[in-house]
Amino acid sequence: MKREEIIKNRQFIADRKWFLPITVAGLIAGAILISSSMKTTDYSLLCSLSKSRSGTINEFSTTVDQLKAIIHYATSRIVPQQNFREISVTFGVLQKRSPCNFLVFGLGYDSLMWTSLNPGGNTLFLEEDPKWIQTVLKDAPSLRAHAVKYRTQLKQANSLLAHYKLEPNCRPSKAYLRGNDKCKLALTGFPDEFYDTEWDLIMIDAPRGYFPEAPGRMAAIFSAAVMARNRKGSGATHVFLHDVDRKVEKGFAREFLCKKYLVKSVGRLWHFEIPPAANLSSHADHRFC
């Protein structure tokens, strides 16, 4: 290969490393333009109602997080866990539902992005590693994150599935989360906010699930299904599951999130819209799907 071709090839590889951060920054910039146009409309309405300008500005102070996110991703070579096409799926829903309650399993390089794409909303991150929370919050102190502990291990996936089919407190009609110690798949001992909030969007991109002793995402998937089915508000709960190329994620998604509620599949991401159980004309007592 000629020297000129080698240089061009190296430059192409370098440019690819920058592609996702810059694209993510563009997504956030687009979100700001959308929210800004909404703010202008809202401001005109507020003026007609004789509300002060200062109150309007304070109401939308979360734009600061958006600006910080643009700078962060435009100048960083560390990319989010998901690719552009996968991120765009959730972004499309946030455009319609934000400001909303957005629960994210996992705290990582994409957390500042998710918060900035839900301006004025409640975005909460659940992370298993307290030290990692401290590391992330040093650079992004505005993020809201809780340290949580899981009762499961990835190597227990098959036995947990068998347990669910035999334990009455795991059944769809009886399943609940807070204090449900009998159902091993129920997430217990989490912060009150986790249970008391009705989540509009749930992103499952954690906990770790790539070695036998890792917590795995079995309980997160089961609990997301329970919360979605127990929803009291209007509309479906949007659940996004990443890493569906892995056996456990795929198997538990089919068991609890249900193929009939799968509305989009992009890369390693599945997007479900799960209606409240109260909206279903009939459903089996022993199975979620």
C-alpha atoms as a PDB file:
ATOM      1  CA  MET A   1       0.000   0.000   0.000  1.00  0.00           C
ATOM      2  CA  LYS A   2       1.291   3.448  -0.907  1.00  0.00           C
ATOM      3  CA  ARG A   3       2.192   5.914   1.819  1.00  0.00           C
ATOM      4  CA  GLU A   4      -0.638   8.256   0.719  1.00  0.00           C
ATOM      5  CA  GLU A   5      -3.178   5.413   0.972  1.00  0.00           C
ATOM      6  CA  ILE A   6      -1.964   4.468   4.464  1.00  0.00           C
ATOM      7  CA  ILE A   7      -2.391   8.052   5.649  1.00  0.00           C
ATOM      8  CA  LYS A   8      -5.909   8.232   4.168  1.00  0.00           C
ATOM      9  CA  ASN A   9      -6.855   4.920   5.812  1.00  0.00           C
ATOM     10  CA  ARG A  10      -5.634   6.097   9.215  1.00  0.00           C
ATOM     11  CA  GLN A  11      -7.553   9.321   8.825  1.00  0.00           C
ATOM     12  CA  PHE A  12     -10.730   7.362   7.961  1.00  0.00           C
ATOM     13  CA  ILE A  13     -10.402   5.263  11.128  1.00  0.00           C
ATOM     14  CA  ALA A  14      -9.838   8.378  13.223  1.00  0.00           C
ATOM     15  CA  ASP A  15     -12.872  10.060  11.667  1.00  0.00           C
ATOM     16  CA  ARG A  16     -15.050   7.033  12.521  1.00  0.00           C
ATOM     17  CA  LYS A  17     -14.053   7.303  16.192  1.00  0.00           C
ATOM     18  CA  TRP A  18     -15.417  10.814  16.219  1.00  0.00           C
ATOM     19  CA  PHE A  19     -18.613  10.011  14.306  1.00  0.00           C
ATOM     20  CA  LEU A  20     -20.819   8.814  17.174  1.00  0.00           C
ATOM     21  CA  PRO A  21     -19.891  11.524  19.715  1.00  0.00           C
ATOM     22  CA  ILE A  22     -20.515  14.253  17.147  1.00  0.00           C
ATOM     23  CA  THR A  23     -23.775  12.614  16.033  1.00  0.00           C
ATOM     24  CA  VAL A  24     -24.949  12.335  19.636  1.00  0.00           C
ATOM     25  CA  ALA A  25     -24.128  16.004  20.122  1.00  0.00           C
ATOM     26  CA  GLY A  26     -26.239  16.710  17.040  1.00  0.00           C
ATOM     27  CA  LEU A  27     -29.158  14.766  18.520  1.00  0.00           C
ATOM     28  CA  ILE A  28     -28.970  16.811  21.692  1.00  0.00           C
ATOM     29  CA  ALA A  29     -28.725  20.040  19.695  1.00  0.00           C
ATOM     30  CA  GLY A  30     -31.877  18.977  17.839  1.00  0.00           C
ATOM     31  CA  ALA A  31     -33.618  18.345  21.148  1.00  0.00           C
ATOM     32  CA  ILE A  32     -32.671  21.844  22.284  1.00  0.00           C
ATOM     33  CA  LEU A  33     -34.122  23.372  19.105  1.00  0.00           C
ATOM     34  CA  ILE A  34     -37.361  21.459  19.628  1.00  0.00           C
ATOM     35  CA  SER A  35     -37.613  22.349  23.307  1.00  0.00           C
ATOM     36  CA  SER A  36     -36.683  25.959  22.526  1.00  0.00           C
ATOM     37  CA  SER A  37     -39.550  26.290  20.056  1.00  0.00           C
ATOM     38  CA  MET A  38     -41.852  24.814  22.677  1.00  0.00           C
ATOM     39  CA  LYS A  39     -40.519  27.294  25.214  1.00  0.00           C
ATOM     40  CA  THR A  40     -41.240  30.211  22.869  1.00  0.00           C
ATOM     41  CA  THR A  41     -44.827  29.065  22.487  1.00  0.00           C
ATOM     42  CA  ASP A  42     -45.184  28.483  26.199  1.00  0.00           C
ATOM     43  CA  TYR A  43     -43.621  31.863  26.945  1.00  0.00           C
ATOM     44  CA  SER A  44     -46.162  33.651  24.760  1.00  0.00           C
ATOM     45  CA  LEU A  45     -48.931  31.837  26.569  1.00  0.00           C
ATOM     46  CA  LEU A  46     -47.409  32.646  29.931  1.00  0.00           C
ATOM     47  CA  CYS A  47     -47.156  36.289  28.972  1.00  0.00           C
ATOM     48  CA  SER A  48     -50.845  36.326  28.083  1.00  0.00           C
ATOM     49  CA  LEU A  49     -51.499  34.987  31.549  1.00  0.00           C
ATOM     50  CA  SER A  50     -49.367  37.797  33.046  1.00  0.00           C
ATOM     51  CA  LYS A  51     -46.641  35.528  34.397  1.00  0.00           C
ATOM     52  CA  SER A  52     -43.161  36.890  34.863  1.00  0.00           C
ATOM     53  CA  ARG A  53     -40.260  36.372  32.477  1.00  0.00           C
ATOM     54  CA  SER A  54     -37.933  35.344  35.296  1.00  0.00           C
ATOM     55  CA  GLY A  55     -40.259  32.537  36.339  1.00  0.00           C
ATOM     56  CA  THR A  56     -40.311  31.250  32.765  1.00  0.00           C
ATOM     57  CA  ILE A  57     -36.518  31.194  32.540  1.00  0.00           C
ATOM     58  CA  ASN A  58     -36.163  29.316  35.815  1.00  0.00           C
ATOM     59  CA  GLU A  59     -38.699  26.745  34.685  1.00  0.00           C
ATOM     60  CA  PHE A  60     -36.448  25.734  31.785  1.00  0.00           C
ATOM     61  CA  SER A  61     -33.062  25.895  33.499  1.00  0.00           C
ATOM     62  CA  THR A  62     -32.377  22.252  32.544  1.00  0.00           C
ATOM     63  CA  THR A  63     -31.152  23.545  29.174  1.00  0.00           C
ATOM     64  CA  VAL A  64     -27.812  23.972  30.938  1.00  0.00           C
ATOM     65  CA  ASP A  65     -27.507  20.173  31.035  1.00  0.00           C
ATOM     66  CA  GLN A  66     -28.171  20.042  27.314  1.00  0.00           C
ATOM     67  CA  LEU A  67     -25.405  22.523  26.579  1.00  0.00           C
ATOM     68  CA  LYS A  68     -22.986  20.625  28.808  1.00  0.00           C
ATOM     69  CA  ALA A  69     -23.886  17.399  26.990  1.00  0.00           C
ATOM     70  CA  ILE A  70     -23.178  18.929  23.576  1.00  0.00           C
ATOM     71  CA  ILE A  71     -19.743  20.080  24.697  1.00  0.00           C
ATOM     72  CA  HIS A  72     -19.019  16.730  26.355  1.00  0.00           C
ATOM     73  CA  TYR A  73     -19.888  14.503  23.398  1.00  0.00           C
ATOM     74  CA  ALA A  74     -18.479  16.850  20.759  1.00  0.00           C
ATOM     75  CA  THR A  75     -15.062  16.801  22.436  1.00  0.00           C
ATOM     76  CA  SER A  76     -14.885  13.208  23.728  1.00  0.00           C
ATOM     77  CA  ARG A  77     -13.642  10.045  22.064  1.00  0.00           C
ATOM     78  CA  ILE A  78     -15.499   7.928  24.655  1.00  0.00           C
ATOM     79  CA  VAL A  79     -18.752   6.912  22.987  1.00  0.00           C
ATOM     80  CA  PRO A  80     -22.105   5.839  24.509  1.00  0.00           C
ATOM     81  CA  GLN A  81     -22.807   2.119  24.900  1.00  0.00           C
ATOM     82  CA  GLN A  82     -25.453   2.204  22.169  1.00  0.00           C
ATOM     83  CA  ASN A  83     -24.924   3.157  18.540  1.00  0.00           C
ATOM     84  CA  PHE A  84     -26.645   5.997  16.692  1.00  0.00           C
ATOM     85  CA  ARG A  85     -29.519   3.903  15.310  1.00  0.00           C
ATOM     86  CA  GLU A  86     -30.268   2.390  18.730  1.00  0.00           C
ATOM     87  CA  ILE A  87     -30.150   5.764  20.477  1.00  0.00           C
ATOM     88  CA  SER A  88     -32.497   7.209  17.857  1.00  0.00           C
ATOM     89  CA  VAL A  89     -35.251   4.748  18.852  1.00  0.00           C
ATOM     90  CA  THR A  90     -35.440   6.066  22.416  1.00  0.00           C
ATOM     91  CA  PHE A  91     -34.907   9.642  21.246  1.00  0.00           C
ATOM     92  CA  GLY A  92     -37.954   9.342  18.998  1.00  0.00           C
ATOM     93  CA  VAL A  93     -40.125   8.360  21.971  1.00  0.00           C
ATOM     94  CA  LEU A  94     -38.648  11.080  24.185  1.00  0.00           C
ATOM     95  CA  GLN A  95     -39.524  13.676  21.562  1.00  0.00           C
ATOM     96  CA  LYS A  96     -43.176  12.729  22.038  1.00  0.00           C
ATOM     97  CA  ARG A  97     -43.258  11.982  25.774  1.00  0.00           C
ATOM     98  CA  SER A  98     -40.771  14.419  27.337  1.00  0.00           C
ATOM     99  CA  PRO A  99     -40.910  15.785  29.972  1.00  0.00           C
ATOM    100  CA  CYS A 100     -41.572  12.392  31.510  1.00  0.00           C
ATOM    101  CA  ASN A 101     -40.451   9.904  34.144  1.00  0.00           C
ATOM    102  CA  PHE A 102     -37.493   8.017  32.661  1.00  0.00           C
ATOM    103  CA  LEU A 103     -35.902   5.139  34.590  1.00  0.00           C
ATOM    104  CA  VAL A 104     -32.516   3.875  33.417  1.00  0.00           C
ATOM    105  CA  PHE A 105     -30.851   0.705  34.679  1.00  0.00           C
ATOM    106  CA  GLY A 106     -27.164   1.556  34.529  1.00  0.00           C
ATOM    107  CA  LEU A 107     -24.997   4.647  34.814  1.00  0.00           C
ATOM    108  CA  GLY A 108     -22.445   5.206  32.096  1.00  0.00           C
ATOM    109  CA  TYR A 109     -21.070   7.246  29.230  1.00  0.00           C
ATOM    110  CA  ASP A 110     -24.569   7.847  27.857  1.00  0.00           C
ATOM    111  CA  SER A 111     -26.173   9.106  31.095  1.00  0.00           C
ATOM    112  CA  LEU A 112     -25.616  12.812  30.445  1.00  0.00           C
ATOM    113  CA  MET A 113     -27.174  12.319  27.030  1.00  0.00           C
ATOM    114  CA  TRP A 114     -30.334  10.658  28.387  1.00  0.00           C
ATOM    115  CA  THR A 115     -30.827  13.394  30.977  1.00  0.00           C
ATOM    116  CA  SER A 116     -30.372  16.148  28.389  1.00  0.00           C
ATOM    117  CA  LEU A 117     -32.881  14.489  26.036  1.00  0.00           C
ATOM    118  CA  ASN A 118     -35.551  14.649  28.763  1.00  0.00           C
ATOM    119  CA  PRO A 119     -35.453  18.367  29.698  1.00  0.00           C
ATOM    120  CA  GLY A 120     -37.754  19.219  32.565  1.00  0.00           C
ATOM    121  CA  GLY A 121     -38.403  15.536  33.197  1.00  0.00           C
ATOM    122  CA  ASN A 122     -37.352  13.108  35.924  1.00  0.00           C
ATOM    123  CA  THR A 123     -34.470  10.896  34.763  1.00  0.00           C
ATOM    124  CA  LEU A 124     -33.182   8.449  37.373  1.00  0.00           C
ATOM    125  CA  PHE A 125     -30.258   6.014  37.070  1.00  0.00           C
ATOM    126  CA  LEU A 126     -29.833   2.777  39.039  1.00  0.00           C
ATOM    127  CA  GLU A 127     -26.247   1.547  39.383  1.00  0.00           C
ATOM    128  CA  GLU A 128     -24.793  -1.493  41.164  1.00  0.00           C
ATOM    129  CA  ASP A 129     -21.300  -0.069  41.717  1.00  0.00           C
ATOM    130  CA  PRO A 130     -21.141   2.808  44.286  1.00  0.00           C
ATOM    131  CA  LYS A 131     -17.554   3.677  43.314  1.00  0.00           C
ATOM    132  CA  TRP A 132     -18.556   4.023  39.675  1.00  0.00           C
ATOM    133  CA  ILE A 133     -21.349   6.412  40.701  1.00  0.00           C
ATOM    134  CA  GLN A 134     -18.792   8.645  42.411  1.00  0.00           C
ATOM    135  CA  THR A 135     -16.579   8.562  39.313  1.00  0.00           C
ATOM    136  CA  VAL A 136     -19.395   9.560  36.960  1.00  0.00           C
ATOM    137  CA  LEU A 137     -20.849  12.241  39.235  1.00  0.00           C
ATOM    138  CA  LYS A 138     -17.477  13.989  39.506  1.00  0.00           C
ATOM    139  CA  ASP A 139     -17.838  15.038  35.874  1.00  0.00           C
ATOM    140  CA  ALA A 140     -21.649  15.267  35.826  1.00  0.00           C
ATOM    141  CA  PRO A 141     -22.884  16.202  39.325  1.00  0.00           C
ATOM    142  CA  SER A 142     -26.376  17.089  38.068  1.00  0.00           C
ATOM    143  CA  LEU A 143     -27.179  13.429  37.297  1.00  0.00           C
ATOM    144  CA  ARG A 144     -29.525  11.651  39.686  1.00  0.00           C
ATOM    145  CA  ALA A 145     -28.356   8.140  40.568  1.00  0.00           C
ATOM    146  CA  HIS A 146     -28.998   5.538  43.268  1.00  0.00           C
ATOM    147  CA  ALA A 147     -26.723   2.664  44.264  1.00  0.00           C
ATOM    148  CA  VAL A 148     -28.713  -0.599  44.306  1.00  0.00           C
ATOM    149  CA  LYS A 149     -28.081  -4.246  45.134  1.00  0.00           C
ATOM    150  CA  TYR A 150     -29.379  -7.229  43.199  1.00  0.00           C
ATOM    151  CA  ARG A 151     -30.296 -10.618  44.660  1.00  0.00           C
ATOM    152  CA  THR A 152     -29.577 -12.626  41.518  1.00  0.00           C
ATOM    153  CA  GLN A 153     -26.640 -14.034  39.562  1.00  0.00           C
ATOM    154  CA  LEU A 154     -26.535 -14.727  35.845  1.00  0.00           C
ATOM    155  CA  LYS A 155     -25.786 -18.420  36.430  1.00  0.00           C
ATOM    156  CA  GLN A 156     -29.182 -18.718  38.182  1.00  0.00           C
ATOM    157  CA  ALA A 157     -31.168 -17.678  35.106  1.00  0.00           C
ATOM    158  CA  ASN A 158     -32.683 -21.090  34.395  1.00  0.00           C
ATOM    159  CA  SER A 159     -33.553 -21.831  38.016  1.00  0.00           C
ATOM    160  CA  LEU A 160     -35.093 -18.354  38.409  1.00  0.00           C
ATOM    161  CA  LEU A 161     -37.319 -18.995  35.413  1.00  0.00           C
ATOM    162  CA  ALA A 162     -38.458 -22.303  36.931  1.00  0.00           C
ATOM    163  CA  HIS A 163     -39.020 -20.607  40.306  1.00  0.00           C
ATOM    164  CA  TYR A 164     -41.249 -17.940  38.762  1.00  0.00           C
ATOM    165  CA  LYS A 165     -43.550 -20.560  37.284  1.00  0.00           C
ATOM    166  CA  LEU A 166     -44.103 -22.162  40.719  1.00  0.00           C
ATOM    167  CA  GLU A 167     -44.195 -19.128  43.035  1.00  0.00           C
ATOM    168  CA  PRO A 168     -47.682 -17.544  43.376  1.00  0.00           C
ATOM    169  CA  ASN A 169     -46.220 -14.107  44.211  1.00  0.00           C
ATOM    170  CA  CYS A 170     -44.501 -14.052  40.826  1.00  0.00           C
ATOM    171  CA  ARG A 171     -47.708 -14.589  38.876  1.00  0.00           C
ATOM    172  CA  PRO A 172     -48.947 -11.683  36.746  1.00  0.00           C
ATOM    173  CA  SER A 173     -52.147 -11.156  38.729  1.00  0.00           C
ATOM    174  CA  LYS A 174     -50.358 -11.114  42.103  1.00  0.00           C
ATOM    175  CA  ALA A 175     -46.853  -9.866  41.327  1.00  0.00           C
ATOM    176  CA  TYR A 176     -45.589  -6.787  43.149  1.00  0.00           C
ATOM    177  CA  LEU A 177     -42.092  -5.500  43.925  1.00  0.00           C
ATOM    178  CA  ARG A 178     -41.569  -3.708  47.256  1.00  0.00           C
ATOM    179  CA  GLY A 179     -41.152  -6.324  49.984  1.00  0.00           C
ATOM    180  CA  ASN A 180     -41.910  -9.270  47.708  1.00  0.00           C
ATOM    181  CA  ASP A 181     -39.163 -11.499  49.137  1.00  0.00           C
ATOM    182  CA  LYS A 182     -40.899 -14.720  48.077  1.00  0.00           C
ATOM    183  CA  CYS A 183     -40.505 -13.908  44.387  1.00  0.00           C
ATOM    184  CA  LYS A 184     -36.772 -14.020  43.692  1.00  0.00           C
ATOM    185  CA  LEU A 185     -37.173 -12.028  40.482  1.00  0.00           C
ATOM    186  CA  ALA A 186     -38.812  -9.050  42.202  1.00  0.00           C
ATOM    187  CA  LEU A 187     -36.460  -6.140  42.858  1.00  0.00           C
ATOM    188  CA  THR A 188     -36.655  -5.494  46.611  1.00  0.00           C
ATOM    189  CA  GLY A 189     -34.739  -3.139  48.886  1.00  0.00           C
ATOM    190  CA  PHE A 190     -34.550  -0.378  46.271  1.00  0.00           C
ATOM    191  CA  PRO A 191     -35.052   3.348  47.040  1.00  0.00           C
ATOM    192  CA  ASP A 192     -38.652   4.452  47.624  1.00  0.00           C
ATOM    193  CA  GLU A 193     -38.591   6.598  44.495  1.00  0.00           C
ATOM    194  CA  PHE A 194     -38.199   3.465  42.399  1.00  0.00           C
ATOM    195  CA  TYR A 195     -41.512   2.082  43.702  1.00  0.00           C
ATOM    196  CA  ASP A 196     -43.471   5.303  44.195  1.00  0.00           C
ATOM    197  CA  THR A 197     -42.937   6.733  40.698  1.00  0.00           C
ATOM    198  CA  GLU A 198     -44.949   5.647  37.686  1.00  0.00           C
ATOM    199  CA  TRP A 199     -42.301   5.357  34.980  1.00  0.00           C
ATOM    200  CA  ASP A 200     -43.194   6.320  31.403  1.00  0.00           C
ATOM    201  CA  LEU A 201     -39.946   4.988  29.896  1.00  0.00           C
ATOM    202  CA  ILE A 202     -37.692   2.243  31.248  1.00  0.00           C
ATOM    203  CA  MET A 203     -34.260   1.592  29.762  1.00  0.00           C
ATOM    204  CA  ILE A 204     -32.613  -1.727  30.710  1.00  0.00           C
ATOM    205  CA  ASP A 205     -28.909  -1.516  29.868  1.00  0.00           C
ATOM    206  CA  ALA A 206     -27.646  -2.917  33.191  1.00  0.00           C
ATOM    207  CA  PRO A 207     -26.721  -4.540  35.499  1.00  0.00           C
ATOM    208  CA  ARG A 208     -23.774  -6.536  34.206  1.00  0.00           C
ATOM    209  CA  GLY A 209     -24.662  -9.795  32.544  1.00  0.00           C
ATOM    210  CA  TYR A 210     -21.576 -11.176  30.824  1.00  0.00           C
ATOM    211  CA  PHE A 211     -20.079 -13.545  33.437  1.00  0.00           C
ATOM    212  CA  PRO A 212     -21.699 -16.185  35.702  1.00  0.00           C
ATOM    213  CA  GLU A 213     -21.431 -14.286  38.993  1.00  0.00           C
ATOM    214  CA  ALA A 214     -22.785 -11.022  37.536  1.00  0.00           C
ATOM    215  CA  PRO A 215     -26.293  -9.980  38.657  1.00  0.00           C
ATOM    216  CA  GLY A 216     -27.724 -10.388  35.162  1.00  0.00           C
ATOM    217  CA  ARG A 217     -30.789  -8.536  33.907  1.00  0.00           C
ATOM    218  CA  MET A 218     -33.380 -11.173  34.781  1.00  0.00           C
ATOM    219  CA  ALA A 219     -34.872  -9.268  37.727  1.00  0.00           C
ATOM    220  CA  ALA A 220     -34.751  -5.918  35.914  1.00  0.00           C
ATOM    221  CA  ILE A 221     -36.722  -7.364  32.985  1.00  0.00           C
ATOM    222  CA  PHE A 222     -39.278  -9.069  35.250  1.00  0.00           C
ATOM    223  CA  SER A 223     -39.718  -5.953  37.404  1.00  0.00           C
ATOM    224  CA  ALA A 224     -40.111  -3.677  34.376  1.00  0.00           C
ATOM    225  CA  ALA A 225     -42.929  -5.940  33.180  1.00  0.00           C
ATOM    226  CA  VAL A 226     -44.600  -5.811  36.603  1.00  0.00           C
ATOM    227  CA  MET A 227     -44.379  -2.006  36.782  1.00  0.00           C
ATOM    228  CA  ALA A 228     -45.750  -1.634  33.257  1.00  0.00           C
ATOM    229  CA  ARG A 229     -48.689  -3.949  33.943  1.00  0.00           C
ATOM    230  CA  ASN A 230     -49.469  -2.209  37.250  1.00  0.00           C
ATOM    231  CA  ARG A 231     -49.485   1.252  35.655  1.00  0.00           C
ATOM    232  CA  LYS A 232     -52.450   3.382  36.750  1.00  0.00           C
ATOM    233  CA  GLY A 233     -51.946   6.316  34.392  1.00  0.00           C
ATOM    234  CA  SER A 234     -52.963   6.519  30.753  1.00  0.00           C
ATOM    235  CA  GLY A 235     -50.878   5.135  27.927  1.00  0.00           C
ATOM    236  CA  ALA A 236     -48.429   2.295  27.615  1.00  0.00           C
ATOM    237  CA  THR A 237     -45.045   1.985  29.300  1.00  0.00           C
ATOM    238  CA  HIS A 238     -42.126   2.084  26.862  1.00  0.00           C
ATOM    239  CA  VAL A 239     -39.462  -0.470  27.756  1.00  0.00           C
ATOM    240  CA  PHE A 240     -36.110  -0.517  25.941  1.00  0.00           C
ATOM    241  CA  LEU A 241     -33.876  -3.572  26.359  1.00  0.00           C
ATOM    242  CA  HIS A 242     -30.274  -3.514  25.152  1.00  0.00           C
ATOM    243  CA  ASP A 243     -27.964  -6.473  24.391  1.00  0.00           C
ATOM    244  CA  VAL A 244     -30.742  -8.718  23.094  1.00  0.00           C
ATOM    245  CA  ASP A 245     -28.101 -10.657  21.179  1.00  0.00           C
ATOM    246  CA  ARG A 246     -27.402 -12.430  24.489  1.00  0.00           C
ATOM    247  CA  LYS A 247     -29.356 -15.557  25.403  1.00  0.00           C
ATOM    248  CA  VAL A 248     -30.652 -14.476  28.820  1.00  0.00           C
ATOM    249  CA  GLU A 249     -31.822 -11.021  27.725  1.00  0.00           C
ATOM    250  CA  LYS A 250     -33.613 -12.469  24.721  1.00  0.00           C
ATOM    251  CA  GLY A 251     -35.202 -15.353  26.634  1.00  0.00           C
ATOM    252  CA  PHE A 252     -36.462 -13.243  29.560  1.00  0.00           C
ATOM    253  CA  ALA A 253     -37.751 -10.544  27.202  1.00  0.00           C
ATOM    254  CA  ARG A 254     -39.866 -13.107  25.368  1.00  0.00           C
ATOM    255  CA  GLU A 255     -41.150 -14.491  28.669  1.00  0.00           C
ATOM    256  CA  PHE A 256     -42.048 -11.226  30.417  1.00  0.00           C
ATOM    257  CA  LEU A 257     -42.029  -8.279  27.969  1.00  0.00           C
ATOM    258  CA  CYS A 258     -43.837 -10.303  25.292  1.00  0.00           C
ATOM    259  CA  LYS A 259     -43.260 -10.513  21.559  1.00  0.00           C
ATOM    260  CA  LYS A 260     -46.738  -9.082  20.845  1.00  0.00           C
ATOM    261  CA  TYR A 261     -45.671  -5.817  22.536  1.00  0.00           C
ATOM    262  CA  LEU A 262     -42.407  -5.548  20.574  1.00  0.00           C
ATOM    263  CA  VAL A 263     -42.795  -2.525  18.304  1.00  0.00           C
ATOM    264  CA  LYS A 264     -39.244  -2.024  17.041  1.00  0.00           C
ATOM    265  CA  SER A 265     -35.988  -3.954  16.784  1.00  0.00           C
ATOM    266  CA  VAL A 266     -32.823  -2.054  15.861  1.00  0.00           C
ATOM    267  CA  GLY A 267     -29.369  -3.557  16.236  1.00  0.00           C
ATOM    268  CA  ARG A 268     -29.124  -4.987  19.755  1.00  0.00           C
ATOM    269  CA  LEU A 269     -32.083  -2.960  21.054  1.00  0.00           C
ATOM    270  CA  TRP A 270     -35.718  -4.041  21.440  1.00  0.00           C
ATOM    271  CA  HIS A 271     -38.478  -1.508  22.086  1.00  0.00           C
ATOM    272  CA  PHE A 272     -41.695  -2.661  23.766  1.00  0.00           C
ATOM    273  CA  GLU A 273     -44.951  -0.801  24.433  1.00  0.00           C
ATOM    274  CA  ILE A 274     -46.645  -2.583  27.324  1.00  0.00           C
ATOM    275  CA  PRO A 275     -50.233  -1.617  28.212  1.00  0.00           C
ATOM    276  CA  PRO A 276     -51.554  -1.673  31.788  1.00  0.00           C
ATOM    277  CA  ALA A 277     -53.138  -4.987  32.755  1.00  0.00           C
ATOM    278  CA  ALA A 278     -56.370  -3.101  33.482  1.00  0.00           C
ATOM    279  CA  ASN A 279     -56.646  -2.308  29.762  1.00  0.00           C
ATOM    280  CA  LEU A 280     -56.500  -5.970  28.749  1.00  0.00           C
ATOM    281  CA  SER A 281     -59.798  -7.718  28.165  1.00  0.00           C
ATOM    282  CA  SER A 282     -58.365 -11.019  29.333  1.00  0.00           C
ATOM    283  CA  HIS A 283     -55.024 -12.402  30.396  1.00  0.00           C
ATOM    284  CA  ALA A 284     -53.681 -15.656  31.757  1.00  0.00           C
ATOM    285  CA  ASP A 285     -52.972 -15.768  35.475  1.00  0.00           C
ATOM    286  CA  HIS A 286     -49.869 -17.943  35.180  1.00  0.00           C
ATOM    287  CA  ARG A 287     -48.046 -16.283  32.257  1.00  0.00           C
ATOM    288  CA  PHE A 288     -47.160 -12.724  31.308  1.00  0.00           C
ATOM    289  CA  CYS A 289     -47.380 -13.383  27.578  1.00  0.00           C
END
